[in-house]
Amino acid sequence: KLIINISFMEYAIVEIGGTQVWVQEGQYFVTNKISTTPGTNISLSRVLLINKNDELHLGYPYLTDQKVTGEIVEHFKGTKLIVYKMKSKKKYRRKKGHRQSMTKILINKIGV
């Protein structure tokens, strides 16, 4: 049985690209492409929750005056998805591939 005590962990839950992401300082995460150059600092203002110094800060829905700062590390394409359309008995076949553009972000600071 594995027991993890998360009370000492400093983390935040932010909303970016329509998804909610659990982030920690020094952690990388991947999201849909953000149109800036790699190496620039960004500020995530849609912060839903912050747990820092054993204090839990909740937003309704977002925390005001709290930001999570990060740095854009790189842009890349995700894995290829195959889209295949077919109509039986009609000789209709279409095969198409899609690769989503992604951005890798490094979290520098969780603000409180």
Protein backbone atom coordinates (compact mmCIF):
# COMPACT_ATOMS: atom_id res chain seq x y z
CA LYS A 1 0.00 0.00 0.00
CA LEU A 2 1.39 3.39 -1.04
CA ILE A 3 0.51 6.41 1.10
CA ILE A 4 1.46 9.87 -0.15
CA ASN A 5 1.25 12.88 2.14
CA ILE A 6 0.60 15.91 -0.05
CA SER A 7 0.34 18.42 2.79
CA PHE A 8 4.01 19.42 2.47
CA MET A 9 3.84 19.77 -1.30
CA GLU A 10 3.51 23.17 -2.91
CA TYR A 11 1.25 22.96 -5.94
CA ALA A 12 -1.37 24.84 -7.89
CA ILE A 13 -4.18 23.98 -10.25
CA VAL A 14 -4.35 26.32 -13.24
CA GLU A 15 -6.57 26.48 -16.29
CA ILE A 16 -4.79 26.77 -19.62
CA GLY A 17 -6.00 25.89 -23.08
CA GLY A 18 -9.40 24.74 -21.81
CA THR A 19 -7.89 22.13 -19.46
CA GLN A 20 -7.06 22.15 -15.77
CA VAL A 21 -3.48 21.22 -14.94
CA TRP A 22 -1.83 20.35 -11.61
CA VAL A 23 1.56 22.15 -11.53
CA GLN A 24 4.53 22.35 -9.17
CA GLU A 25 7.61 24.56 -9.21
CA GLY A 26 10.32 23.13 -11.45
CA GLN A 27 7.86 20.85 -13.26
CA TYR A 28 7.30 20.69 -17.02
CA PHE A 29 3.89 20.27 -18.60
CA VAL A 30 2.55 20.15 -22.14
CA THR A 31 -0.42 22.09 -23.48
CA ASN A 32 -1.83 23.23 -26.81
CA LYS A 33 0.36 25.66 -28.72
CA ILE A 34 0.84 29.16 -27.30
CA SER A 35 1.87 31.65 -29.99
CA THR A 36 5.05 33.08 -28.45
CA THR A 37 8.71 32.35 -28.98
CA PRO A 38 10.56 29.81 -26.80
CA GLY A 39 12.43 31.37 -23.90
CA THR A 40 9.78 33.96 -23.07
CA ASN A 41 8.22 34.15 -19.62
CA ILE A 42 4.46 33.82 -19.31
CA SER A 43 2.08 34.49 -16.45
CA LEU A 44 -0.89 32.20 -15.88
CA SER A 45 -3.65 34.19 -14.20
CA ARG A 46 -6.45 31.59 -14.22
CA VAL A 47 -5.44 29.97 -10.94
CA LEU A 48 -8.10 27.75 -9.38
CA LEU A 49 -6.25 26.50 -6.30
CA ILE A 50 -2.93 27.04 -4.52
CA ASN A 51 -1.51 24.88 -1.72
CA LYS A 52 1.57 26.56 -0.26
CA ASN A 53 3.01 26.43 3.26
CA ASP A 54 0.15 24.13 4.36
CA GLU A 55 -2.38 26.84 3.45
CA LEU A 56 -5.04 25.99 0.89
CA HIS A 57 -6.29 28.94 -1.17
CA LEU A 58 -9.44 28.29 -3.23
CA GLY A 59 -10.90 30.51 -5.92
CA TYR A 60 -14.54 31.00 -6.79
CA PRO A 61 -13.86 30.22 -9.67
CA TYR A 62 -10.42 31.91 -9.88
CA LEU A 63 -8.05 33.41 -7.33
CA THR A 64 -7.62 37.16 -7.71
CA ASP A 65 -4.12 38.68 -7.49
CA GLN A 66 -2.48 35.25 -7.69
CA LYS A 67 -0.35 34.20 -10.63
CA VAL A 68 1.76 31.24 -11.66
CA THR A 69 4.79 32.20 -13.73
CA GLY A 70 6.51 29.94 -16.19
CA GLU A 71 8.82 29.83 -19.18
CA ILE A 72 8.09 28.44 -22.63
CA VAL A 73 10.71 25.79 -23.32
CA GLU A 74 9.85 24.52 -26.81
CA HIS A 75 7.20 24.00 -29.46
CA PHE A 76 6.72 20.57 -31.01
CA LYS A 77 4.16 18.37 -32.70
CA GLY A 78 2.33 15.61 -30.86
CA THR A 79 1.93 12.02 -31.95
CA LYS A 80 0.21 11.34 -35.24
CA LEU A 81 -3.48 10.48 -35.21
CA ILE A 82 -4.98 8.64 -38.17
CA VAL A 83 -8.44 9.69 -39.37
CA TYR A 84 -9.99 7.04 -41.62
CA LYS A 85 -13.34 7.48 -43.35
CA MET A 86 -15.06 4.65 -45.16
CA LYS A 87 -18.43 3.93 -46.69
CA SER A 88 -19.12 0.26 -47.17
CA LYS A 89 -19.93 -1.06 -50.64
CA LYS A 90 -19.35 2.38 -52.23
CA LYS A 91 -15.55 2.30 -52.78
CA TYR A 92 -15.15 5.41 -50.63
CA ARG A 93 -11.94 5.44 -48.57
CA ARG A 94 -10.14 8.47 -47.11
CA LYS A 95 -7.08 8.27 -44.88
CA LYS A 96 -5.74 11.43 -43.28
CA GLY A 97 -3.19 12.09 -40.54
CA HIS A 98 -3.13 14.88 -37.94
CA ARG A 99 -0.40 16.10 -35.58
CA GLN A 100 -1.39 18.66 -32.95
CA SER A 101 0.99 21.57 -32.27
CA MET A 102 2.05 21.53 -28.61
CA THR A 103 4.01 23.76 -26.21
CA LYS A 104 6.21 22.63 -23.32
CA ILE A 105 6.19 24.97 -20.30
CA LEU A 106 8.46 25.04 -17.23
CA ILE A 107 6.86 26.38 -14.03
CA ASN A 108 9.16 28.84 -12.24
CA LYS A 109 7.08 30.26 -9.40
CA ILE A 110 3.74 29.75 -7.73
CA GLY A 111 2.67 33.04 -6.23
CA VAL A 112 0.97 33.61 -2.90
